[in-house]
Amino acid sequence: MLGNRHPLLQRLQQVVFESATRSERLQRIAALIREAGPYRWVGLYDVNRERAEVVNVVWDGPGAPEFPVFPITKGLTGSAIAERKIVNVGDVALDSRYLTAFGSTKSEIIVPIFSCDDQQVVGTIDIESEQSDAFSADVERTLVACADVIRPLWG
């Protein structure tokens, strides 16, 4: 179990309350999460229920997202939103829900960010790795804690 003393969580907490724009804080958060593991790419997304779409807010990695906006029902993200839980795919080539973005991606994890009242998924953390099975149960727990720490940025 992670405590508030976990270095990544402490740093994210600091960034959440910095006096910078939301976009600037989220950009720093994406970079910190990416640096924490062998991750190729990290994106933070807003869930826009009125338009039934998912919108990339920021990303950190070697390229812009292939799908900066997509329907709320599509891909691994759509599954994470619908099921209200993490989607962790160890080999994206074997999962038909995967929206191919980078040819070198082997595994991907989508972590939902819940509203402060836990009623809705309001955002997601999307992480891609060039390693198969990159996201262990410990990594999942860390990322859930990260989502909890950064959720104030989703109002």
N, C-alpha and C. Protein backbone atom coordinates (compact mmCIF):
# COMPACT_ATOMS: atom_id res chain seq x y z
N MET A 1 0.85 -1.19 0.00
CA MET A 1 0.00 0.00 0.00
C MET A 1 0.88 1.24 0.00
N LEU A 2 0.55 2.18 -0.84
CA LEU A 2 1.33 3.41 -0.92
C LEU A 2 0.88 4.40 0.13
N GLY A 3 1.82 5.06 0.72
CA GLY A 3 1.49 6.14 1.64
C GLY A 3 1.72 7.48 0.97
N ASN A 4 1.34 8.52 1.65
CA ASN A 4 1.55 9.87 1.11
C ASN A 4 3.03 10.21 1.02
N ARG A 5 3.88 9.35 1.57
CA ARG A 5 5.31 9.62 1.56
C ARG A 5 5.99 9.11 0.29
N HIS A 6 5.26 8.41 -0.56
CA HIS A 6 5.82 7.93 -1.83
C HIS A 6 6.33 9.15 -2.60
N PRO A 7 7.59 9.14 -3.05
CA PRO A 7 8.17 10.34 -3.68
C PRO A 7 7.37 10.88 -4.87
N LEU A 8 6.87 10.00 -5.74
CA LEU A 8 6.10 10.47 -6.89
C LEU A 8 4.82 11.15 -6.41
N LEU A 9 4.14 10.56 -5.45
CA LEU A 9 2.89 11.15 -4.95
C LEU A 9 3.14 12.50 -4.29
N GLN A 10 4.24 12.60 -3.56
CA GLN A 10 4.59 13.88 -2.94
C GLN A 10 4.81 14.95 -4.00
N ARG A 11 5.54 14.60 -5.03
CA ARG A 11 5.84 15.58 -6.09
C ARG A 11 4.56 15.97 -6.83
N LEU A 12 3.70 15.01 -7.14
CA LEU A 12 2.44 15.32 -7.82
C LEU A 12 1.58 16.24 -6.96
N GLN A 13 1.54 15.98 -5.66
CA GLN A 13 0.77 16.82 -4.74
C GLN A 13 1.26 18.27 -4.81
N GLN A 14 2.57 18.44 -4.84
CA GLN A 14 3.14 19.79 -4.93
C GLN A 14 2.70 20.47 -6.23
N VAL A 15 2.78 19.74 -7.33
CA VAL A 15 2.42 20.31 -8.63
C VAL A 15 0.95 20.69 -8.68
N VAL A 16 0.08 19.87 -8.12
CA VAL A 16 -1.36 20.15 -8.13
C VAL A 16 -1.65 21.54 -7.57
N PHE A 17 -0.91 21.92 -6.53
CA PHE A 17 -1.20 23.19 -5.85
C PHE A 17 -0.25 24.32 -6.24
N GLU A 18 0.55 24.14 -7.29
CA GLU A 18 1.39 25.23 -7.79
C GLU A 18 0.52 26.33 -8.38
N SER A 19 1.07 27.54 -8.43
CA SER A 19 0.32 28.65 -9.03
C SER A 19 0.71 28.75 -10.51
N ALA A 20 0.17 27.84 -11.28
CA ALA A 20 0.38 27.81 -12.73
C ALA A 20 -0.97 27.45 -13.35
N THR A 21 -1.05 27.54 -14.66
CA THR A 21 -2.30 27.17 -15.32
C THR A 21 -2.52 25.66 -15.17
N ARG A 22 -3.75 25.25 -15.35
CA ARG A 22 -4.07 23.82 -15.29
C ARG A 22 -3.23 23.05 -16.31
N SER A 23 -3.15 23.58 -17.52
CA SER A 23 -2.40 22.91 -18.57
C SER A 23 -0.92 22.77 -18.20
N GLU A 24 -0.34 23.81 -17.63
CA GLU A 24 1.07 23.75 -17.23
C GLU A 24 1.28 22.71 -16.13
N ARG A 25 0.37 22.67 -15.17
CA ARG A 25 0.49 21.70 -14.09
C ARG A 25 0.33 20.27 -14.62
N LEU A 26 -0.65 20.08 -15.50
CA LEU A 26 -0.85 18.74 -16.07
C LEU A 26 0.34 18.31 -16.92
N GLN A 27 0.96 19.26 -17.62
CA GLN A 27 2.15 18.93 -18.41
C GLN A 27 3.26 18.42 -17.50
N ARG A 28 3.47 19.09 -16.38
CA ARG A 28 4.50 18.65 -15.43
C ARG A 28 4.16 17.27 -14.85
N ILE A 29 2.88 17.07 -14.58
CA ILE A 29 2.43 15.78 -14.03
C ILE A 29 2.69 14.66 -15.03
N ALA A 30 2.35 14.88 -16.30
CA ALA A 30 2.60 13.85 -17.33
C ALA A 30 4.09 13.52 -17.40
N ALA A 31 4.94 14.53 -17.33
CA ALA A 31 6.39 14.30 -17.39
C ALA A 31 6.87 13.52 -16.17
N LEU A 32 6.37 13.86 -14.99
CA LEU A 32 6.77 13.15 -13.77
C LEU A 32 6.36 11.68 -13.81
N ILE A 33 5.15 11.42 -14.27
CA ILE A 33 4.69 10.03 -14.36
C ILE A 33 5.54 9.26 -15.38
N ARG A 34 5.82 9.89 -16.51
CA ARG A 34 6.62 9.22 -17.54
C ARG A 34 8.01 8.88 -17.02
N GLU A 35 8.60 9.81 -16.28
CA GLU A 35 9.95 9.59 -15.74
C GLU A 35 9.98 8.49 -14.68
N ALA A 36 8.83 8.18 -14.09
CA ALA A 36 8.76 7.21 -12.99
C ALA A 36 8.88 5.76 -13.44
N GLY A 37 8.79 5.51 -14.73
CA GLY A 37 8.85 4.13 -15.20
C GLY A 37 9.45 4.05 -16.59
N PRO A 38 9.52 2.87 -17.13
CA PRO A 38 10.03 2.71 -18.50
C PRO A 38 8.92 2.98 -19.52
N TYR A 39 8.42 4.21 -19.50
CA TYR A 39 7.25 4.53 -20.31
C TYR A 39 7.64 5.36 -21.52
N ARG A 40 7.07 5.00 -22.65
CA ARG A 40 7.32 5.71 -23.89
C ARG A 40 6.53 7.00 -23.94
N TRP A 41 5.30 6.96 -23.41
CA TRP A 41 4.38 8.07 -23.63
C TRP A 41 3.35 8.11 -22.51
N VAL A 42 3.00 9.32 -22.06
CA VAL A 42 1.95 9.52 -21.06
C VAL A 42 1.04 10.64 -21.55
N GLY A 43 -0.25 10.38 -21.54
CA GLY A 43 -1.23 11.40 -21.90
C GLY A 43 -2.26 11.55 -20.80
N LEU A 44 -2.73 12.77 -20.60
CA LEU A 44 -3.81 13.05 -19.66
C LEU A 44 -4.99 13.58 -20.47
N TYR A 45 -6.15 13.02 -20.20
CA TYR A 45 -7.34 13.29 -21.01
C TYR A 45 -8.50 13.79 -20.16
N ASP A 46 -9.33 14.63 -20.77
CA ASP A 46 -10.62 15.03 -20.21
C ASP A 46 -11.70 14.17 -20.84
N VAL A 47 -12.71 13.83 -20.06
CA VAL A 47 -13.89 13.13 -20.58
C VAL A 47 -14.99 14.17 -20.69
N ASN A 48 -15.42 14.45 -21.93
CA ASN A 48 -16.48 15.43 -22.18
C ASN A 48 -17.76 14.65 -22.48
N ARG A 49 -18.59 14.52 -21.47
CA ARG A 49 -19.82 13.73 -21.61
C ARG A 49 -20.85 14.41 -22.50
N GLU A 50 -20.88 15.73 -22.51
CA GLU A 50 -21.84 16.45 -23.37
C GLU A 50 -21.60 16.14 -24.84
N ARG A 51 -20.35 16.06 -25.22
CA ARG A 51 -20.00 15.76 -26.61
C ARG A 51 -19.70 14.28 -26.83
N ALA A 52 -19.76 13.51 -25.76
CA ALA A 52 -19.45 12.07 -25.81
C ALA A 52 -18.09 11.81 -26.44
N GLU A 53 -17.08 12.56 -25.95
CA GLU A 53 -15.74 12.39 -26.49
C GLU A 53 -14.69 12.49 -25.39
N VAL A 54 -13.54 11.99 -25.72
CA VAL A 54 -12.37 12.05 -24.86
C VAL A 54 -11.37 12.97 -25.55
N VAL A 55 -10.82 13.93 -24.79
CA VAL A 55 -9.97 14.97 -25.37
C VAL A 55 -8.61 14.99 -24.67
N ASN A 56 -7.55 14.88 -25.44
CA ASN A 56 -6.21 14.97 -24.86
C ASN A 56 -5.97 16.40 -24.39
N VAL A 57 -5.51 16.53 -23.15
CA VAL A 57 -5.17 17.84 -22.60
C VAL A 57 -3.68 18.08 -22.76
N VAL A 58 -2.87 17.10 -22.34
CA VAL A 58 -1.41 17.19 -22.46
C VAL A 58 -0.85 15.79 -22.70
N TRP A 59 0.39 15.76 -23.14
CA TRP A 59 1.09 14.50 -23.31
C TRP A 59 2.57 14.75 -23.10
N ASP A 60 3.28 13.68 -22.77
CA ASP A 60 4.73 13.74 -22.64
C ASP A 60 5.29 12.49 -23.30
N GLY A 61 6.17 12.71 -24.25
CA GLY A 61 6.74 11.60 -25.00
C GLY A 61 7.20 12.09 -26.35
N PRO A 62 7.64 11.17 -27.20
CA PRO A 62 8.24 11.56 -28.47
C PRO A 62 7.29 12.03 -29.56
N GLY A 63 5.99 11.94 -29.35
CA GLY A 63 5.08 12.38 -30.41
C GLY A 63 3.71 12.73 -29.88
N ALA A 64 3.02 13.56 -30.64
CA ALA A 64 1.65 13.94 -30.29
C ALA A 64 0.74 12.72 -30.40
N PRO A 65 -0.38 12.73 -29.68
CA PRO A 65 -1.29 11.58 -29.78
C PRO A 65 -1.87 11.45 -31.18
N GLU A 66 -1.96 10.23 -31.65
CA GLU A 66 -2.55 9.95 -32.96
C GLU A 66 -4.03 10.32 -32.97
N PHE A 67 -4.68 10.16 -31.82
CA PHE A 67 -6.11 10.46 -31.68
C PHE A 67 -6.29 11.46 -30.53
N PRO A 68 -6.13 12.77 -30.79
CA PRO A 68 -6.27 13.74 -29.71
C PRO A 68 -7.71 13.88 -29.21
N VAL A 69 -8.66 13.54 -30.06
CA VAL A 69 -10.08 13.53 -29.70
C VAL A 69 -10.68 12.27 -30.31
N PHE A 70 -11.45 11.53 -29.50
CA PHE A 70 -12.10 10.33 -30.03
C PHE A 70 -13.37 10.06 -29.24
N PRO A 71 -14.28 9.28 -29.80
CA PRO A 71 -15.55 8.99 -29.12
C PRO A 71 -15.34 8.30 -27.77
N ILE A 72 -16.17 8.63 -26.83
CA ILE A 72 -16.08 8.12 -25.46
C ILE A 72 -16.21 6.60 -25.39
N THR A 73 -16.71 5.99 -26.42
CA THR A 73 -16.93 4.54 -26.43
C THR A 73 -15.80 3.76 -27.10
N LYS A 74 -14.79 4.44 -27.62
CA LYS A 74 -13.75 3.77 -28.41
C LYS A 74 -12.50 3.44 -27.60
N GLY A 75 -11.85 2.40 -28.03
CA GLY A 75 -10.54 2.05 -27.53
C GLY A 75 -10.50 1.55 -26.10
N LEU A 76 -9.29 1.40 -25.62
CA LEU A 76 -9.08 0.97 -24.24
C LEU A 76 -9.63 2.01 -23.28
N THR A 77 -9.50 3.29 -23.65
CA THR A 77 -10.02 4.36 -22.81
C THR A 77 -11.53 4.26 -22.67
N GLY A 78 -12.22 4.00 -23.76
CA GLY A 78 -13.66 3.83 -23.71
C GLY A 78 -14.06 2.71 -22.76
N SER A 79 -13.29 1.63 -22.76
CA SER A 79 -13.56 0.52 -21.84
C SER A 79 -13.32 0.93 -20.39
N ALA A 80 -12.24 1.66 -20.14
CA ALA A 80 -11.96 2.12 -18.77
C ALA A 80 -13.07 3.03 -18.25
N ILE A 81 -13.60 3.88 -19.12
CA ILE A 81 -14.68 4.78 -18.74
C ILE A 81 -15.96 3.99 -18.48
N ALA A 82 -16.32 3.11 -19.39
CA ALA A 82 -17.56 2.34 -19.25
C ALA A 82 -17.53 1.42 -18.04
N GLU A 83 -16.38 0.80 -17.80
CA GLU A 83 -16.26 -0.17 -16.71
C GLU A 83 -15.86 0.47 -15.38
N ARG A 84 -15.46 1.76 -15.44
CA ARG A 84 -15.04 2.51 -14.25
C ARG A 84 -13.88 1.82 -13.52
N LYS A 85 -12.95 1.29 -14.32
CA LYS A 85 -11.79 0.64 -13.71
C LYS A 85 -10.60 0.67 -14.67
N ILE A 86 -9.45 0.35 -14.12
CA ILE A 86 -8.21 0.30 -14.91
C ILE A 86 -8.35 -0.73 -16.03
N VAL A 87 -7.81 -0.37 -17.18
CA VAL A 87 -7.63 -1.33 -18.27
C VAL A 87 -6.13 -1.45 -18.47
N ASN A 88 -5.60 -2.64 -18.24
CA ASN A 88 -4.18 -2.92 -18.31
C ASN A 88 -3.97 -4.02 -19.34
N VAL A 89 -3.36 -3.67 -20.47
CA VAL A 89 -3.16 -4.62 -21.56
C VAL A 89 -1.67 -4.88 -21.72
N GLY A 90 -1.27 -6.12 -21.46
CA GLY A 90 0.14 -6.50 -21.53
C GLY A 90 0.68 -6.63 -22.93
N ASP A 91 -0.19 -6.91 -23.90
CA ASP A 91 0.21 -7.03 -25.31
C ASP A 91 -0.90 -6.43 -26.16
N VAL A 92 -0.71 -5.19 -26.58
CA VAL A 92 -1.77 -4.48 -27.32
C VAL A 92 -2.08 -5.13 -28.66
N ALA A 93 -1.13 -5.88 -29.21
CA ALA A 93 -1.37 -6.54 -30.50
C ALA A 93 -2.47 -7.59 -30.39
N LEU A 94 -2.75 -8.05 -29.17
CA LEU A 94 -3.75 -9.09 -28.97
C LEU A 94 -5.11 -8.54 -28.53
N ASP A 95 -5.23 -7.22 -28.44
CA ASP A 95 -6.48 -6.62 -27.95
C ASP A 95 -7.11 -5.75 -29.04
N SER A 96 -8.27 -6.16 -29.51
CA SER A 96 -8.93 -5.45 -30.61
C SER A 96 -9.39 -4.05 -30.24
N ARG A 97 -9.45 -3.74 -28.95
CA ARG A 97 -9.86 -2.39 -28.53
C ARG A 97 -8.76 -1.37 -28.72
N TYR A 98 -7.53 -1.82 -28.86
CA TYR A 98 -6.39 -0.91 -28.95
C TYR A 98 -6.47 -0.06 -30.20
N LEU A 99 -6.38 1.27 -30.01
CA LEU A 99 -6.31 2.21 -31.13
C LEU A 99 -4.83 2.45 -31.41
N THR A 100 -4.34 1.91 -32.50
CA THR A 100 -2.92 1.99 -32.80
C THR A 100 -2.47 3.43 -32.93
N ALA A 101 -1.53 3.80 -32.07
CA ALA A 101 -1.02 5.16 -32.09
C ALA A 101 0.46 5.17 -32.46
N PHE A 102 1.23 4.31 -31.81
CA PHE A 102 2.66 4.24 -32.06
C PHE A 102 3.00 2.78 -32.36
N GLY A 103 3.73 2.55 -33.41
CA GLY A 103 4.05 1.19 -33.81
C GLY A 103 4.88 0.43 -32.79
N SER A 104 5.60 1.16 -31.93
CA SER A 104 6.48 0.49 -30.97
C SER A 104 5.80 0.17 -29.64
N THR A 105 4.55 0.58 -29.47
CA THR A 105 3.86 0.30 -28.21
C THR A 105 3.59 -1.19 -28.07
N LYS A 106 3.97 -1.73 -26.92
CA LYS A 106 3.74 -3.15 -26.62
C LYS A 106 2.64 -3.32 -25.58
N SER A 107 2.61 -2.42 -24.59
CA SER A 107 1.60 -2.51 -23.54
C SER A 107 1.08 -1.11 -23.22
N GLU A 108 -0.14 -1.08 -22.68
CA GLU A 108 -0.79 0.19 -22.37
C GLU A 108 -1.68 0.01 -21.15
N ILE A 109 -1.76 1.08 -20.37
CA ILE A 109 -2.66 1.09 -19.22
C ILE A 109 -3.45 2.39 -19.23
N ILE A 110 -4.73 2.28 -18.94
CA ILE A 110 -5.61 3.44 -18.82
C ILE A 110 -6.12 3.45 -17.38
N VAL A 111 -5.90 4.57 -16.70
CA VAL A 111 -6.32 4.72 -15.31
C VAL A 111 -7.39 5.81 -15.26
N PRO A 112 -8.60 5.47 -14.83
CA PRO A 112 -9.65 6.48 -14.74
C PRO A 112 -9.38 7.46 -13.60
N ILE A 113 -9.76 8.70 -13.84
CA ILE A 113 -9.73 9.74 -12.81
C ILE A 113 -11.19 10.05 -12.49
N PHE A 114 -11.56 9.88 -11.24
CA PHE A 114 -12.95 10.05 -10.83
C PHE A 114 -13.22 11.46 -10.32
N SER A 115 -14.46 11.90 -10.48
CA SER A 115 -14.89 13.17 -9.91
C SER A 115 -14.71 13.10 -8.40
N CYS A 116 -14.68 14.26 -7.75
CA CYS A 116 -14.44 14.30 -6.31
C CYS A 116 -15.48 13.52 -5.52
N ASP A 117 -16.69 13.37 -6.07
CA ASP A 117 -17.72 12.58 -5.38
C ASP A 117 -17.74 11.12 -5.85
N ASP A 118 -16.76 10.74 -6.67
CA ASP A 118 -16.62 9.37 -7.18
C ASP A 118 -17.77 8.90 -8.06
N GLN A 119 -18.56 9.82 -8.57
CA GLN A 119 -19.73 9.44 -9.37
C GLN A 119 -19.40 9.20 -10.84
N GLN A 120 -18.43 9.94 -11.38
CA GLN A 120 -18.15 9.85 -12.81
C GLN A 120 -16.66 9.77 -13.08
N VAL A 121 -16.32 9.17 -14.21
CA VAL A 121 -14.96 9.26 -14.71
C VAL A 121 -14.87 10.59 -15.45
N VAL A 122 -14.00 11.47 -14.99
CA VAL A 122 -13.87 12.81 -15.58
C VAL A 122 -12.60 12.97 -16.39
N GLY A 123 -11.68 12.03 -16.24
CA GLY A 123 -10.43 12.09 -16.98
C GLY A 123 -9.75 10.73 -16.96
N THR A 124 -8.65 10.63 -17.68
CA THR A 124 -7.87 9.39 -17.68
C THR A 124 -6.38 9.70 -17.77
N ILE A 125 -5.61 8.77 -17.23
CA ILE A 125 -4.17 8.73 -17.43
C ILE A 125 -3.94 7.58 -18.41
N ASP A 126 -3.27 7.87 -19.51
CA ASP A 126 -2.99 6.87 -20.55
C ASP A 126 -1.48 6.73 -20.65
N ILE A 127 -0.97 5.53 -20.41
CA ILE A 127 0.47 5.30 -20.44
C ILE A 127 0.77 4.16 -21.39
N GLU A 128 1.75 4.40 -22.26
CA GLU A 128 2.18 3.38 -23.22
C GLU A 128 3.64 3.03 -22.97
N SER A 129 3.96 1.76 -23.13
CA SER A 129 5.33 1.28 -22.94
C SER A 129 5.76 0.46 -24.14
N GLU A 130 7.05 0.47 -24.40
CA GLU A 130 7.62 -0.36 -25.45
C GLU A 130 7.95 -1.76 -24.93
N GLN A 131 7.65 -2.02 -23.67
CA GLN A 131 7.86 -3.34 -23.07
C GLN A 131 6.52 -4.04 -22.91
N SER A 132 6.48 -5.32 -23.19
CA SER A 132 5.28 -6.11 -22.92
C SER A 132 5.09 -6.23 -21.41
N ASP A 133 3.84 -6.32 -20.99
CA ASP A 133 3.52 -6.51 -19.57
C ASP A 133 4.27 -5.54 -18.66
N ALA A 134 4.27 -4.27 -19.03
CA ALA A 134 5.04 -3.25 -18.30
C ALA A 134 4.38 -2.81 -16.99
N PHE A 135 3.11 -3.14 -16.79
CA PHE A 135 2.36 -2.56 -15.68
C PHE A 135 1.93 -3.63 -14.68
N SER A 136 2.72 -3.81 -13.64
CA SER A 136 2.45 -4.80 -12.59
C SER A 136 1.32 -4.32 -11.68
N ALA A 137 0.92 -5.18 -10.76
CA ALA A 137 -0.09 -4.80 -9.77
C ALA A 137 0.41 -3.64 -8.90
N ASP A 138 1.70 -3.63 -8.58
CA ASP A 138 2.26 -2.52 -7.80
C ASP A 138 2.18 -1.22 -8.59
N VAL A 139 2.48 -1.28 -9.88
CA VAL A 139 2.38 -0.09 -10.73
C VAL A 139 0.93 0.38 -10.78
N GLU A 140 0.01 -0.55 -10.93
CA GLU A 140 -1.42 -0.18 -10.93
C GLU A 140 -1.79 0.58 -9.66
N ARG A 141 -1.36 0.05 -8.50
CA ARG A 141 -1.67 0.72 -7.23
C ARG A 141 -1.08 2.12 -7.19
N THR A 142 0.14 2.26 -7.67
CA THR A 142 0.77 3.58 -7.70
C THR A 142 -0.02 4.53 -8.59
N LEU A 143 -0.43 4.06 -9.76
CA LEU A 143 -1.15 4.93 -10.69
C LEU A 143 -2.54 5.29 -10.19
N VAL A 144 -3.21 4.39 -9.49
CA VAL A 144 -4.50 4.73 -8.88
C VAL A 144 -4.29 5.83 -7.84
N ALA A 145 -3.22 5.72 -7.06
CA ALA A 145 -2.92 6.76 -6.08
C ALA A 145 -2.60 8.08 -6.78
N CYS A 146 -1.89 8.02 -7.90
CA CYS A 146 -1.60 9.23 -8.69
C CYS A 146 -2.90 9.88 -9.16
N ALA A 147 -3.81 9.08 -9.68
CA ALA A 147 -5.09 9.61 -10.16
C ALA A 147 -5.85 10.29 -9.02
N ASP A 148 -5.78 9.71 -7.84
CA ASP A 148 -6.46 10.29 -6.69
C ASP A 148 -5.83 11.63 -6.31
N VAL A 149 -4.50 11.70 -6.34
CA VAL A 149 -3.79 12.93 -5.98
C VAL A 149 -4.09 14.06 -6.97
N ILE A 150 -4.17 13.74 -8.26
CA ILE A 150 -4.32 14.81 -9.26
C ILE A 150 -5.78 15.15 -9.57
N ARG A 151 -6.73 14.42 -9.04
CA ARG A 151 -8.13 14.66 -9.40
C ARG A 151 -8.65 16.06 -9.10
N PRO A 152 -8.10 16.82 -8.13
CA PRO A 152 -8.57 18.20 -7.96
C PRO A 152 -8.44 19.05 -9.23
N LEU A 153 -7.56 18.66 -10.13
CA LEU A 153 -7.39 19.41 -11.39
C LEU A 153 -8.54 19.15 -12.36
N TRP A 154 -9.42 18.26 -12.02
CA TRP A 154 -10.63 18.01 -12.81
C TRP A 154 -11.88 18.57 -12.12
N GLY A 155 -11.64 19.44 -11.11
CA GLY A 155 -12.75 20.14 -10.44
C GLY A 155 -13.52 19.27 -9.57
